[in-house]
Amino acid sequence: MTTPRTRRRKADVGTVVTYLRVSTDEQATSGAGLDAQRSAVSGEIERRGWTLVETFADEGVSGSKAVDARPGLVGAIEAIESGTAAILVVAKSDRLARNLRALLDVIDRVERAGGVVVAVDQTIDTSTAAGRFTTAIMGGVAELERSLISDRTKAALAVRKAQGVRLGRPLSVPLTVVDRITAERAGGATWQRIADGLNDDGTPTGQGGSRWFPNTVSRIHKRASVNRMDGTATAMGSV
């Protein structure tokens, strides 16, 4: 016998849940960010003649976190899925997510539950076909811009590297230490033995630490570039 499918409760037209989020503990404590969002969504709900059912919030939570890591957002989505409300309203789209994939995941989940998502700043309004299309386009443009910035950064770093500019945080080690490592390695010492010797002598590391490790010694030996002019050896990487 086939088990009858449970019918999902259909939310009343015009019923709303709102979602508020601030990304730092300071904002959460002051309440300034939440108050501004609450005022914006309340004004939109009143303007459209909707009915507020419940408000959800995540205080001091980054928008880059996964949906499941934000209890307030999970609660707002579940309110749509349970038929408690038909519309999820936020002040701005970045309150929901800061990347296109996460944003579209939230919208898709709400839409599959028969609900819509509306942002007061007009970046999202899935209540109409035109709104859904615009949302996808704007999200795509934002994602493209982030990708272009990333590509430009990588290209600039590649040019600097080709020009001989050292990238990353430099590790400065006295030439005497570099020479010691080189000589001991040439004599057949293992990385562990060299590190133990430096530790026994109390030789500080390039970052001012007091503990040498075999991988640190190996990195200095393999990647250090001796600069005879200033009497130091500069190695890429960190200890």
Protein backbone atom coordinates (compact mmCIF):
# COMPACT_ATOMS: atom_id res chain seq x y z
CA MET A 1 0.00 0.00 0.00
CA THR A 2 1.35 3.40 -0.95
CA THR A 3 1.80 5.89 1.87
CA PRO A 4 -0.14 9.08 1.09
CA ARG A 5 2.07 12.10 0.49
CA THR A 6 1.84 14.76 3.19
CA ARG A 7 0.62 18.00 1.67
CA ARG A 8 2.64 21.08 2.49
CA ARG A 9 0.75 23.84 4.20
CA LYS A 10 0.27 26.81 1.91
CA ALA A 11 1.12 30.15 3.47
CA ASP A 12 -1.38 32.98 3.41
CA VAL A 13 -0.79 35.55 0.70
CA GLY A 14 1.17 38.55 1.91
CA THR A 15 2.55 36.91 5.04
CA VAL A 16 6.16 37.80 5.74
CA VAL A 17 9.16 36.69 7.73
CA THR A 18 12.13 39.03 7.85
CA TYR A 19 15.80 38.21 8.24
CA LEU A 20 18.32 40.60 9.77
CA ARG A 21 22.08 40.14 10.06
CA VAL A 22 25.09 42.05 11.34
CA SER A 23 28.59 40.77 10.81
CA THR A 24 30.51 41.93 13.87
CA ASP A 25 30.04 41.63 17.61
CA GLU A 26 30.30 45.40 17.89
CA GLN A 27 27.36 45.92 15.53
CA ALA A 28 25.42 43.23 17.33
CA THR A 29 26.03 44.90 20.68
CA SER A 30 25.22 48.42 19.52
CA GLY A 31 22.16 47.28 17.61
CA ALA A 32 22.67 50.09 15.08
CA GLY A 33 22.94 47.74 12.14
CA LEU A 34 19.92 45.71 13.18
CA ASP A 35 17.81 48.81 13.84
CA ALA A 36 18.55 50.20 10.38
CA GLN A 37 17.58 46.91 8.72
CA ARG A 38 14.49 46.53 10.87
CA SER A 39 13.34 50.02 9.90
CA ALA A 40 13.92 49.34 6.19
CA VAL A 41 12.00 46.06 6.09
CA SER A 42 9.16 47.43 8.23
CA GLY A 43 8.70 50.32 5.84
CA GLU A 44 8.59 47.98 2.84
CA ILE A 45 6.10 45.64 4.51
CA GLU A 46 3.83 48.56 5.36
CA ARG A 47 4.14 50.03 1.86
CA ARG A 48 3.08 46.76 0.24
CA GLY A 49 0.35 46.01 2.73
CA TRP A 50 1.92 42.75 3.89
CA THR A 51 1.63 41.14 7.29
CA LEU A 52 4.70 40.47 9.41
CA VAL A 53 4.62 37.05 11.03
CA GLU A 54 8.06 36.73 12.57
CA THR A 55 11.54 38.24 12.53
CA PHE A 56 14.76 36.21 12.53
CA ALA A 57 18.26 37.56 13.11
CA ASP A 58 21.90 36.51 13.22
CA GLU A 59 23.97 38.88 15.32
CA GLY A 60 27.72 39.07 14.86
CA VAL A 61 27.69 36.51 12.04
CA SER A 62 29.52 36.85 8.73
CA GLY A 63 27.58 36.61 5.49
CA SER A 64 30.28 34.33 4.11
CA LYS A 65 29.29 31.57 6.52
CA ALA A 66 27.28 28.65 5.19
CA VAL A 67 23.52 28.84 5.54
CA ASP A 68 23.47 25.96 8.01
CA ALA A 69 25.88 27.89 10.24
CA ARG A 70 23.40 30.76 10.64
CA PRO A 71 20.50 29.75 12.90
CA GLY A 72 18.50 32.87 12.11
CA LEU A 73 18.60 32.32 8.37
CA VAL A 74 17.79 28.63 8.81
CA GLY A 75 14.76 29.61 10.88
CA ALA A 76 13.56 32.12 8.28
CA ILE A 77 13.84 29.59 5.45
CA GLU A 78 12.12 26.90 7.48
CA ALA A 79 9.28 29.32 8.19
CA ILE A 80 8.72 29.55 4.43
CA GLU A 81 9.05 25.80 4.00
CA SER A 82 6.55 25.09 6.76
CA GLY A 83 3.97 27.46 5.29
CA THR A 84 4.21 29.94 8.14
CA ALA A 85 4.86 32.76 5.67
CA ALA A 86 5.00 33.27 1.92
CA ILE A 87 7.65 35.96 1.63
CA LEU A 88 11.19 36.33 2.99
CA VAL A 89 12.19 40.00 3.22
CA VAL A 90 15.68 41.38 3.83
CA ALA A 91 17.02 44.92 3.77
CA LYS A 92 19.81 44.08 1.32
CA SER A 93 20.77 40.99 -0.62
CA ASP A 94 24.17 40.81 1.09
CA ARG A 95 22.34 40.10 4.35
CA LEU A 96 21.53 36.69 2.87
CA ALA A 97 24.90 35.91 1.30
CA ARG A 98 28.04 37.52 -0.03
CA ASN A 99 28.57 35.22 -2.99
CA LEU A 100 26.33 34.28 -5.88
CA ARG A 101 26.25 30.54 -5.26
CA ALA A 102 25.10 30.88 -1.64
CA LEU A 103 22.55 33.54 -2.60
CA LEU A 104 21.07 31.40 -5.35
CA ASP A 105 20.93 28.42 -3.00
CA VAL A 106 18.82 30.41 -0.55
CA ILE A 107 16.54 31.70 -3.30
CA ASP A 108 16.16 28.22 -4.79
CA ARG A 109 15.24 26.71 -1.45
CA VAL A 110 12.63 29.40 -0.79
CA GLU A 111 11.18 29.10 -4.29
CA ARG A 112 10.94 25.31 -4.07
CA ALA A 113 8.84 25.85 -0.96
CA GLY A 114 6.54 28.11 -2.94
CA GLY A 115 7.85 31.34 -1.42
CA VAL A 116 9.56 34.43 -2.75
CA VAL A 117 12.52 36.53 -1.66
CA VAL A 118 12.44 40.32 -1.65
CA ALA A 119 15.24 42.75 -0.80
CA VAL A 120 14.27 46.31 0.07
CA ASP A 121 17.24 47.68 -1.92
CA GLN A 122 15.65 46.11 -5.04
CA THR A 123 18.56 43.76 -5.75
CA ILE A 124 16.22 40.80 -5.26
CA ASP A 125 12.53 40.36 -6.01
CA THR A 126 11.58 36.87 -7.10
CA SER A 127 7.86 37.58 -6.99
CA THR A 128 7.90 38.27 -10.76
CA ALA A 129 9.61 36.72 -13.77
CA ALA A 130 11.36 40.01 -14.50
CA GLY A 131 12.52 40.19 -10.91
CA ARG A 132 13.95 36.68 -11.04
CA PHE A 133 15.76 37.49 -14.28
CA THR A 134 17.18 40.74 -12.88
CA THR A 135 18.30 38.97 -9.72
CA ALA A 136 20.25 36.40 -11.72
CA ILE A 137 21.84 39.08 -13.91
CA MET A 138 22.87 41.30 -10.99
CA GLY A 139 24.23 38.35 -9.07
CA GLY A 140 26.18 37.23 -12.16
CA VAL A 141 27.67 40.70 -12.63
CA ALA A 142 28.78 40.78 -8.99
CA GLU A 143 30.36 37.35 -9.30
CA LEU A 144 32.08 38.38 -12.55
CA GLU A 145 33.52 41.47 -10.89
CA ARG A 146 34.96 39.42 -8.05
CA SER A 147 36.51 37.02 -10.56
CA LEU A 148 37.99 39.89 -12.57
CA ILE A 149 39.52 41.39 -9.44
CA SER A 150 41.03 38.01 -8.59
CA ASP A 151 42.42 37.63 -12.13
CA ARG A 152 43.90 41.13 -12.09
CA THR A 153 45.56 40.45 -8.75
CA LYS A 154 47.07 37.18 -9.98
CA ALA A 155 48.30 38.86 -13.16
CA ALA A 156 49.92 41.70 -11.21
CA LEU A 157 51.66 39.22 -8.90
CA ALA A 158 52.90 37.25 -11.90
CA VAL A 159 54.40 40.40 -13.43
CA ARG A 160 56.13 41.31 -10.17
CA LYS A 161 57.50 37.79 -9.86
CA ALA A 162 58.82 37.93 -13.43
CA GLN A 163 60.54 41.22 -12.55
CA GLY A 164 62.34 39.50 -9.71
CA VAL A 165 60.26 40.99 -6.93
CA ARG A 166 60.01 38.62 -3.99
CA LEU A 167 56.43 37.90 -2.97
CA GLY A 168 55.16 36.90 0.42
CA ARG A 169 56.55 37.69 3.84
CA PRO A 170 60.35 37.49 3.84
CA LEU A 171 62.27 35.43 6.36
CA SER A 172 65.57 37.04 7.34
CA VAL A 173 68.29 34.70 8.57
CA PRO A 174 71.92 35.70 9.32
CA LEU A 175 74.42 34.55 6.73
CA THR A 176 76.34 32.68 9.40
CA VAL A 177 73.30 30.48 10.01
CA VAL A 178 72.71 29.92 6.30
CA ASP A 179 76.38 29.03 5.81
CA ARG A 180 76.23 26.65 8.75
CA ILE A 181 73.18 24.89 7.37
CA THR A 182 74.77 24.65 3.93
CA ALA A 183 78.05 23.30 5.28
CA GLU A 184 76.45 20.74 7.61
CA ARG A 185 74.15 19.52 4.87
CA ALA A 186 77.10 19.18 2.49
CA GLY A 187 78.80 17.12 5.16
CA GLY A 188 75.91 14.65 5.16
CA ALA A 189 73.91 15.87 8.17
CA THR A 190 70.17 15.22 8.15
CA TRP A 191 67.68 18.05 8.49
CA GLN A 192 66.81 16.78 11.95
CA ARG A 193 70.44 16.76 13.06
CA ILE A 194 70.98 20.31 11.80
CA ALA A 195 67.81 21.52 13.54
CA ASP A 196 68.85 19.80 16.79
CA GLY A 197 72.24 21.50 16.65
CA LEU A 198 70.69 24.94 16.15
CA ASN A 199 68.31 24.29 19.03
CA ASP A 200 71.14 23.10 21.30
CA ASP A 201 73.07 26.30 20.58
CA GLY A 202 70.01 28.50 21.24
CA THR A 203 70.12 29.96 17.74
CA PRO A 204 67.00 32.13 17.12
CA THR A 205 64.92 31.44 14.04
CA GLY A 206 64.30 33.96 11.29
CA GLN A 207 61.09 35.05 12.97
CA GLY A 208 62.71 35.39 16.37
CA GLY A 209 61.52 32.03 17.60
CA SER A 210 63.53 29.62 19.70
CA ARG A 211 62.66 26.32 18.05
CA TRP A 212 64.04 24.94 14.80
CA PHE A 213 62.35 22.16 12.85
CA PRO A 214 63.71 19.94 10.06
CA ASN A 215 61.32 21.41 7.46
CA THR A 216 62.43 24.93 8.40
CA VAL A 217 66.08 24.06 7.89
CA SER A 218 65.29 22.33 4.60
CA ARG A 219 63.33 25.34 3.34
CA ILE A 220 66.15 27.74 4.14
CA HIS A 221 68.72 25.51 2.48
CA LYS A 222 66.68 25.02 -0.68
CA ARG A 223 65.12 28.44 -1.13
CA ALA A 224 67.33 31.00 0.56
CA SER A 225 68.88 33.61 -1.67
CA VAL A 226 72.06 35.00 -0.20
CA ASN A 227 72.35 38.79 -0.33
CA ARG A 228 76.01 39.58 0.31
CA MET A 229 75.45 43.33 0.18
CA ASP A 230 73.50 43.60 3.43
CA GLY A 231 74.86 40.53 5.13
CA THR A 232 71.59 38.64 5.38
CA ALA A 233 69.91 35.72 3.63
CA THR A 234 66.33 36.16 2.50
CA ALA A 235 64.20 33.05 2.13
CA MET A 236 60.67 32.80 0.87
CA GLY A 237 58.18 31.35 3.29
CA SER A 238 57.62 31.51 7.01
CA VAL A 239 58.69 29.46 9.98
